[in-house]
PDB file of N, CA and C in Angstrom:
ATOM      1  N   MET A   1      -9.147   2.680  11.450  1.00  0.00           N
ATOM      2  CA  MET A   1      -8.602   1.858  10.394  1.00  0.00           C
ATOM      3  C   MET A   1      -9.257   2.321   9.087  1.00  0.00           C
ATOM      4  N   ARG A   2      -8.415   2.523   8.073  1.00  0.00           N
ATOM      5  CA  ARG A   2      -8.940   2.893   6.762  1.00  0.00           C
ATOM      6  C   ARG A   2      -8.138   2.184   5.686  1.00  0.00           C
ATOM      7  N   GLY A   3      -8.771   2.036   4.541  1.00  0.00           N
ATOM      8  CA  GLY A   3      -8.117   1.424   3.393  1.00  0.00           C
ATOM      9  C   GLY A   3      -8.284   2.319   2.185  1.00  0.00           C
ATOM     10  N   TYR A   4      -7.540   2.034   1.157  1.00  0.00           N
ATOM     11  CA  TYR A   4      -7.571   2.834  -0.049  1.00  0.00           C
ATOM     12  C   TYR A   4      -7.814   1.934  -1.251  1.00  0.00           C
ATOM     13  N   HIS A   5      -8.497   2.481  -2.257  1.00  0.00           N
ATOM     14  CA  HIS A   5      -8.756   1.716  -3.471  1.00  0.00           C
ATOM     15  C   HIS A   5      -8.849   2.659  -4.660  1.00  0.00           C
ATOM     16  N   GLN A   6      -8.783   2.075  -5.843  1.00  0.00           N
ATOM     17  CA  GLN A   6      -8.950   2.834  -7.075  1.00  0.00           C
ATOM     18  C   GLN A   6      -9.527   1.909  -8.130  1.00  0.00           C
ATOM     19  N   HIS A   7     -10.373   2.469  -8.988  1.00  0.00           N
ATOM     20  CA  HIS A   7     -10.952   1.715 -10.098  1.00  0.00           C
ATOM     21  C   HIS A   7     -10.280   2.106 -11.410  1.00  0.00           C
ATOM     22  N   PHE A   8     -10.193   1.135 -12.319  1.00  0.00           N
ATOM     23  CA  PHE A   8      -9.681   1.364 -13.661  1.00  0.00           C
ATOM     24  C   PHE A   8     -10.712   0.885 -14.670  1.00  0.00           C
ATOM     25  N   LYS A   9     -10.842   1.606 -15.777  1.00  0.00           N
ATOM     26  CA  LYS A   9     -11.727   1.157 -16.842  1.00  0.00           C
ATOM     27  C   LYS A   9     -11.194  -0.140 -17.418  1.00  0.00           C
ATOM     28  N   VAL A  10     -12.102  -1.030 -17.748  1.00  0.00           N
ATOM     29  CA  VAL A  10     -11.726  -2.286 -18.372  1.00  0.00           C
ATOM     30  C   VAL A  10     -11.505  -2.034 -19.854  1.00  0.00           C
ATOM     31  N   THR A  11     -10.403  -2.517 -20.360  1.00  0.00           N
ATOM     32  CA  THR A  11     -10.109  -2.440 -21.790  1.00  0.00           C
ATOM     33  C   THR A  11      -9.845  -3.845 -22.296  1.00  0.00           C
ATOM     34  N   GLU A  12      -9.676  -3.955 -23.575  1.00  0.00           N
ATOM     35  CA  GLU A  12      -9.383  -5.259 -24.157  1.00  0.00           C
ATOM     36  C   GLU A  12      -8.073  -5.830 -23.621  1.00  0.00           C
ATOM     37  N   LYS A  13      -7.140  -4.948 -23.262  1.00  0.00           N
ATOM     38  CA  LYS A  13      -5.819  -5.387 -22.802  1.00  0.00           C
ATOM     39  C   LYS A  13      -5.760  -5.733 -21.312  1.00  0.00           C
ATOM     40  N   ASN A  14      -6.690  -5.219 -20.498  1.00  0.00           N
ATOM     41  CA  ASN A  14      -6.558  -5.438 -19.052  1.00  0.00           C
ATOM     42  C   ASN A  14      -7.720  -6.209 -18.431  1.00  0.00           C
ATOM     43  N   THR A  15      -8.508  -6.881 -19.217  1.00  0.00           N
ATOM     44  CA  THR A  15      -9.655  -7.614 -18.694  1.00  0.00           C
ATOM     45  C   THR A  15      -9.205  -8.757 -17.782  1.00  0.00           C
ATOM     46  N   ILE A  16      -9.848  -8.874 -16.637  1.00  0.00           N
ATOM     47  CA  ILE A  16      -9.640 -10.036 -15.767  1.00  0.00           C
ATOM     48  C   ILE A  16     -11.003 -10.606 -15.413  1.00  0.00           C
ATOM     49  N   ASN A  17     -11.059 -11.898 -15.213  1.00  0.00           N
ATOM     50  CA  ASN A  17     -12.328 -12.578 -14.949  1.00  0.00           C
ATOM     51  C   ASN A  17     -12.492 -13.024 -13.503  1.00  0.00           C
ATOM     52  N   HIS A  18     -11.458 -12.830 -12.697  1.00  0.00           N
ATOM     53  CA  HIS A  18     -11.520 -13.260 -11.298  1.00  0.00           C
ATOM     54  C   HIS A  18     -10.613 -12.369 -10.466  1.00  0.00           C
ATOM     55  N   SER A  19     -10.806 -12.385  -9.179  1.00  0.00           N
ATOM     56  CA  SER A  19      -9.967 -11.593  -8.281  1.00  0.00           C
ATOM     57  C   SER A  19      -8.579 -12.197  -8.179  1.00  0.00           C
ATOM     58  N   MET A  20      -7.599 -11.327  -7.963  1.00  0.00           N
ATOM     59  CA  MET A  20      -6.222 -11.768  -7.758  1.00  0.00           C
ATOM     60  C   MET A  20      -5.704 -11.114  -6.480  1.00  0.00           C
ATOM     61  N   PHE A  21      -4.997 -11.889  -5.683  1.00  0.00           N
ATOM     62  CA  PHE A  21      -4.467 -11.431  -4.408  1.00  0.00           C
ATOM     63  C   PHE A  21      -2.962 -11.616  -4.407  1.00  0.00           C
ATOM     64  N   ASP A  22      -2.239 -10.538  -4.215  1.00  0.00           N
ATOM     65  CA  ASP A  22      -0.779 -10.622  -4.104  1.00  0.00           C
ATOM     66  C   ASP A  22      -0.432 -10.499  -2.623  1.00  0.00           C
ATOM     67  N   MET A  23      -0.220 -11.631  -1.996  1.00  0.00           N
ATOM     68  CA  MET A  23       0.023 -11.663  -0.558  1.00  0.00           C
ATOM     69  C   MET A  23       1.341 -10.977  -0.194  1.00  0.00           C
ATOM     70  N   ASP A  24       2.348 -11.128  -1.024  1.00  0.00           N
ATOM     71  CA  ASP A  24       3.659 -10.526  -0.737  1.00  0.00           C
ATOM     72  C   ASP A  24       3.617  -9.003  -0.815  1.00  0.00           C
ATOM     73  N   LYS A  25       2.901  -8.469  -1.788  1.00  0.00           N
ATOM     74  CA  LYS A  25       2.859  -7.016  -1.994  1.00  0.00           C
ATOM     75  C   LYS A  25       1.678  -6.357  -1.293  1.00  0.00           C
ATOM     76  N   GLY A  26       0.701  -7.141  -0.850  1.00  0.00           N
ATOM     77  CA  GLY A  26      -0.405  -6.614  -0.051  1.00  0.00           C
ATOM     78  C   GLY A  26      -1.494  -5.887  -0.819  1.00  0.00           C
ATOM     79  N   PHE A  27      -1.941  -6.470  -1.935  1.00  0.00           N
ATOM     80  CA  PHE A  27      -3.067  -5.859  -2.632  1.00  0.00           C
ATOM     81  C   PHE A  27      -3.947  -6.921  -3.270  1.00  0.00           C
ATOM     82  N   VAL A  28      -5.173  -6.512  -3.548  1.00  0.00           N
ATOM     83  CA  VAL A  28      -6.149  -7.356  -4.225  1.00  0.00           C
ATOM     84  C   VAL A  28      -6.676  -6.569  -5.408  1.00  0.00           C
ATOM     85  N   MET A  29      -6.891  -7.231  -6.535  1.00  0.00           N
ATOM     86  CA  MET A  29      -7.588  -6.590  -7.635  1.00  0.00           C
ATOM     87  C   MET A  29      -8.628  -7.552  -8.165  1.00  0.00           C
ATOM     88  N   GLY A  30      -9.763  -6.985  -8.524  1.00  0.00           N
ATOM     89  CA  GLY A  30     -10.846  -7.824  -9.001  1.00  0.00           C
ATOM     90  C   GLY A  30     -11.785  -7.071  -9.909  1.00  0.00           C
ATOM     91  N   PRO A  31     -12.498  -7.812 -10.750  1.00  0.00           N
ATOM     92  CA  PRO A  31     -13.446  -7.189 -11.663  1.00  0.00           C
ATOM     93  C   PRO A  31     -14.702  -6.746 -10.922  1.00  0.00           C
ATOM     94  N   MET A  32     -15.184  -5.561 -11.257  1.00  0.00           N
ATOM     95  CA  MET A  32     -16.421  -5.025 -10.689  1.00  0.00           C
ATOM     96  C   MET A  32     -17.167  -4.301 -11.800  1.00  0.00           C
ATOM     97  N   GLN A  33     -18.407  -3.903 -11.542  1.00  0.00           N
ATOM     98  CA  GLN A  33     -19.173  -3.168 -12.553  1.00  0.00           C
ATOM     99  C   GLN A  33     -18.490  -1.861 -12.928  1.00  0.00           C
ATOM    100  N   GLN A  34     -17.819  -1.219 -11.977  1.00  0.00           N
ATOM    101  CA  GLN A  34     -17.139   0.055 -12.233  1.00  0.00           C
ATOM    102  C   GLN A  34     -15.814  -0.137 -12.962  1.00  0.00           C
ATOM    103  N   GLY A  35     -15.348  -1.347 -13.094  1.00  0.00           N
ATOM    104  CA  GLY A  35     -14.064  -1.642 -13.721  1.00  0.00           C
ATOM    105  C   GLY A  35     -13.243  -2.537 -12.812  1.00  0.00           C
ATOM    106  N   ILE A  36     -11.957  -2.510 -12.976  1.00  0.00           N
ATOM    107  CA  ILE A  36     -11.072  -3.306 -12.123  1.00  0.00           C
ATOM    108  C   ILE A  36     -10.775  -2.487 -10.873  1.00  0.00           C
ATOM    109  N   ARG A  37     -11.040  -3.069  -9.719  1.00  0.00           N
ATOM    110  CA  ARG A  37     -10.807  -2.384  -8.446  1.00  0.00           C
ATOM    111  C   ARG A  37      -9.538  -2.938  -7.816  1.00  0.00           C
ATOM    112  N   ILE A  38      -8.669  -2.026  -7.403  1.00  0.00           N
ATOM    113  CA  ILE A  38      -7.439  -2.396  -6.718  1.00  0.00           C
ATOM    114  C   ILE A  38      -7.510  -1.830  -5.311  1.00  0.00           C
ATOM    115  N   THR A  39      -7.284  -2.688  -4.321  1.00  0.00           N
ATOM    116  CA  THR A  39      -7.360  -2.275  -2.924  1.00  0.00           C
ATOM    117  C   THR A  39      -6.059  -2.590  -2.209  1.00  0.00           C
ATOM    118  N   THR A  40      -5.793  -1.819  -1.145  1.00  0.00           N
ATOM    119  CA  THR A  40      -4.599  -2.033  -0.337  1.00  0.00           C
ATOM    120  C   THR A  40      -4.998  -2.600   1.018  1.00  0.00           C
ATOM    121  N   GLY A  41      -4.009  -2.857   1.825  1.00  0.00           N
ATOM    122  CA  GLY A  41      -4.247  -3.279   3.198  1.00  0.00           C
ATOM    123  C   GLY A  41      -4.778  -2.116   4.027  1.00  0.00           C
ATOM    124  N   ALA A  42      -5.103  -2.377   5.248  1.00  0.00           N
ATOM    125  CA  ALA A  42      -5.656  -1.358   6.142  1.00  0.00           C
ATOM    126  C   ALA A  42      -4.548  -0.512   6.753  1.00  0.00           C
ATOM    127  N   GLU A  43      -4.866   0.749   6.954  1.00  0.00           N
ATOM    128  CA  GLU A  43      -3.963   1.680   7.628  1.00  0.00           C
ATOM    129  C   GLU A  43      -4.536   1.982   9.015  1.00  0.00           C
ATOM    130  N   MET A  44      -3.751   1.780  10.033  1.00  0.00           N
ATOM    131  CA  MET A  44      -4.179   2.087  11.398  1.00  0.00           C
ATOM    132  C   MET A  44      -3.738   3.519  11.714  1.00  0.00           C
ATOM    133  N   THR A  45      -4.711   4.389  11.952  1.00  0.00           N
ATOM    134  CA  THR A  45      -4.402   5.797  12.200  1.00  0.00           C
ATOM    135  C   THR A  45      -5.520   6.433  13.007  1.00  0.00           C
ATOM    136  N   THR A  46      -5.352   7.687  13.343  1.00  0.00           N
ATOM    137  CA  THR A  46      -6.398   8.407  14.074  1.00  0.00           C
ATOM    138  C   THR A  46      -7.435   8.939  13.087  1.00  0.00           C
ATOM    139  N   MET A  47      -8.609   9.277  13.594  1.00  0.00           N
ATOM    140  CA  MET A  47      -9.693   9.765  12.742  1.00  0.00           C
ATOM    141  C   MET A  47      -9.320  11.039  12.001  1.00  0.00           C
ATOM    142  N   ASN A  48      -8.525  11.901  12.619  1.00  0.00           N
ATOM    143  CA  ASN A  48      -8.191  13.197  12.034  1.00  0.00           C
ATOM    144  C   ASN A  48      -6.896  13.202  11.231  1.00  0.00           C
ATOM    145  N   ALA A  49      -6.262  12.078  11.100  1.00  0.00           N
ATOM    146  CA  ALA A  49      -4.986  12.009  10.378  1.00  0.00           C
ATOM    147  C   ALA A  49      -5.210  12.305   8.893  1.00  0.00           C
ATOM    148  N   PRO A  50      -4.255  12.973   8.266  1.00  0.00           N
ATOM    149  CA  PRO A  50      -4.392  13.222   6.827  1.00  0.00           C
ATOM    150  C   PRO A  50      -4.311  11.910   6.054  1.00  0.00           C
ATOM    151  N   LYS A  51      -4.934  11.903   4.886  1.00  0.00           N
ATOM    152  CA  LYS A  51      -4.889  10.705   4.052  1.00  0.00           C
ATOM    153  C   LYS A  51      -3.448  10.442   3.620  1.00  0.00           C
ATOM    154  N   ASN A  52      -3.100   9.166   3.575  1.00  0.00           N
ATOM    155  CA  ASN A  52      -1.757   8.755   3.183  1.00  0.00           C
ATOM    156  C   ASN A  52      -1.874   7.800   1.996  1.00  0.00           C
ATOM    157  N   PHE A  53      -1.618   8.312   0.804  1.00  0.00           N
ATOM    158  CA  PHE A  53      -1.780   7.519  -0.404  1.00  0.00           C
ATOM    159  C   PHE A  53      -0.516   6.758  -0.800  1.00  0.00           C
ATOM    160  N   GLY A  54       0.507   6.759   0.039  1.00  0.00           N
ATOM    161  CA  GLY A  54       1.775   6.107  -0.281  1.00  0.00           C
ATOM    162  C   GLY A  54       1.627   4.639  -0.604  1.00  0.00           C
ATOM    163  N   GLN A  55       0.878   3.918   0.207  1.00  0.00           N
ATOM    164  CA  GLN A  55       0.690   2.484  -0.017  1.00  0.00           C
ATOM    165  C   GLN A  55      -0.046   2.247  -1.333  1.00  0.00           C
ATOM    166  N   LEU A  56      -1.072   3.039  -1.601  1.00  0.00           N
ATOM    167  CA  LEU A  56      -1.831   2.882  -2.841  1.00  0.00           C
ATOM    168  C   LEU A  56      -0.959   3.184  -4.064  1.00  0.00           C
ATOM    169  N   LYS A  57      -0.162   4.226  -4.009  1.00  0.00           N
ATOM    170  CA  LYS A  57       0.715   4.573  -5.136  1.00  0.00           C
ATOM    171  C   LYS A  57       1.682   3.440  -5.452  1.00  0.00           C
ATOM    172  N   THR A  58       2.240   2.838  -4.424  1.00  0.00           N
ATOM    173  CA  THR A  58       3.167   1.710  -4.620  1.00  0.00           C
ATOM    174  C   THR A  58       2.444   0.518  -5.231  1.00  0.00           C
ATOM    175  N   VAL A  59       1.285   0.210  -4.692  1.00  0.00           N
ATOM    176  CA  VAL A  59       0.506  -0.933  -5.163  1.00  0.00           C
ATOM    177  C   VAL A  59       0.034  -0.723  -6.604  1.00  0.00           C
ATOM    178  N   LEU A  60      -0.341   0.494  -6.959  1.00  0.00           N
ATOM    179  CA  LEU A  60      -0.821   0.751  -8.318  1.00  0.00           C
ATOM    180  C   LEU A  60       0.264   0.472  -9.352  1.00  0.00           C
ATOM    181  N   LYS A  61       1.492   0.818  -9.053  1.00  0.00           N
ATOM    182  CA  LYS A  61       2.597   0.527  -9.973  1.00  0.00           C
ATOM    183  C   LYS A  61       2.716  -0.982 -10.197  1.00  0.00           C
ATOM    184  N   LEU A  62       2.629  -1.750  -9.113  1.00  0.00           N
ATOM    185  CA  LEU A  62       2.747  -3.208  -9.212  1.00  0.00           C
ATOM    186  C   LEU A  62       1.557  -3.807  -9.957  1.00  0.00           C
ATOM    187  N   ALA A  63       0.362  -3.327  -9.662  1.00  0.00           N
ATOM    188  CA  ALA A  63      -0.843  -3.859 -10.303  1.00  0.00           C
ATOM    189  C   ALA A  63      -0.856  -3.543 -11.797  1.00  0.00           C
ATOM    190  N   LYS A  64      -0.469  -2.329 -12.160  1.00  0.00           N
ATOM    191  CA  LYS A  64      -0.429  -1.959 -13.581  1.00  0.00           C
ATOM    192  C   LYS A  64       0.577  -2.827 -14.328  1.00  0.00           C
ATOM    193  N   LYS A  65       1.722  -3.065 -13.710  1.00  0.00           N
ATOM    194  CA  LYS A  65       2.743  -3.921 -14.330  1.00  0.00           C
ATOM    195  C   LYS A  65       2.195  -5.339 -14.499  1.00  0.00           C
ATOM    196  N   ASN A  66       1.494  -5.828 -13.480  1.00  0.00           N
ATOM    197  CA  ASN A  66       0.906  -7.179 -13.532  1.00  0.00           C
ATOM    198  C   ASN A  66      -0.094  -7.264 -14.669  1.00  0.00           C
ATOM    199  N   LEU A  67      -0.966  -6.276 -14.812  1.00  0.00           N
ATOM    200  CA  LEU A  67      -1.962  -6.292 -15.865  1.00  0.00           C
ATOM    201  C   LEU A  67      -1.322  -6.178 -17.251  1.00  0.00           C
ATOM    202  N   ALA A  68      -0.268  -5.384 -17.351  1.00  0.00           N
ATOM    203  CA  ALA A  68       0.386  -5.175 -18.640  1.00  0.00           C
ATOM    204  C   ALA A  68       1.141  -6.415 -19.121  1.00  0.00           C
ATOM    205  N   THR A  69       1.621  -7.231 -18.191  1.00  0.00           N
ATOM    206  CA  THR A  69       2.446  -8.373 -18.580  1.00  0.00           C
ATOM    207  C   THR A  69       1.678  -9.682 -18.674  1.00  0.00           C
ATOM    208  N   ARG A  70       0.436  -9.687 -18.253  1.00  0.00           N
ATOM    209  CA  ARG A  70      -0.302 -10.936 -18.310  1.00  0.00           C
ATOM    210  C   ARG A  70      -1.297 -10.909 -19.462  1.00  0.00           C
ATOM    211  N   ARG A  71      -1.519 -12.040 -20.045  1.00  0.00           N
ATOM    212  CA  ARG A  71      -2.518 -12.164 -21.102  1.00  0.00           C
ATOM    213  C   ARG A  71      -3.835 -12.485 -20.431  1.00  0.00           C
ATOM    214  N   CYS A  72      -4.771 -11.589 -20.564  1.00  0.00           N
ATOM    215  CA  CYS A  72      -6.083 -11.761 -19.927  1.00  0.00           C
ATOM    216  C   CYS A  72      -7.117 -12.102 -20.998  1.00  0.00           C
ATOM    217  N   SER A  73      -8.128 -12.850 -20.583  1.00  0.00           N
ATOM    218  CA  SER A  73      -9.191 -13.172 -21.526  1.00  0.00           C
ATOM    219  C   SER A  73     -10.528 -12.776 -20.964  1.00  0.00           C
TER     220      SER A  73
END
């Protein structure tokens, strides 16, 4: 089982003060020292399987849209 994540630099436009969970789309994003971390659900695969970033790519589009459309403080 493996999961995927990515960090984004915090800017004045994308600041969040608490974690957010989108149950329908299957991702969590939250503030961390490294910036905003976005994580996906777990992928069940073999140890030698190539990395599959498809789920992360889909989730990143949704998370970026969410951050762009919400007013954060």
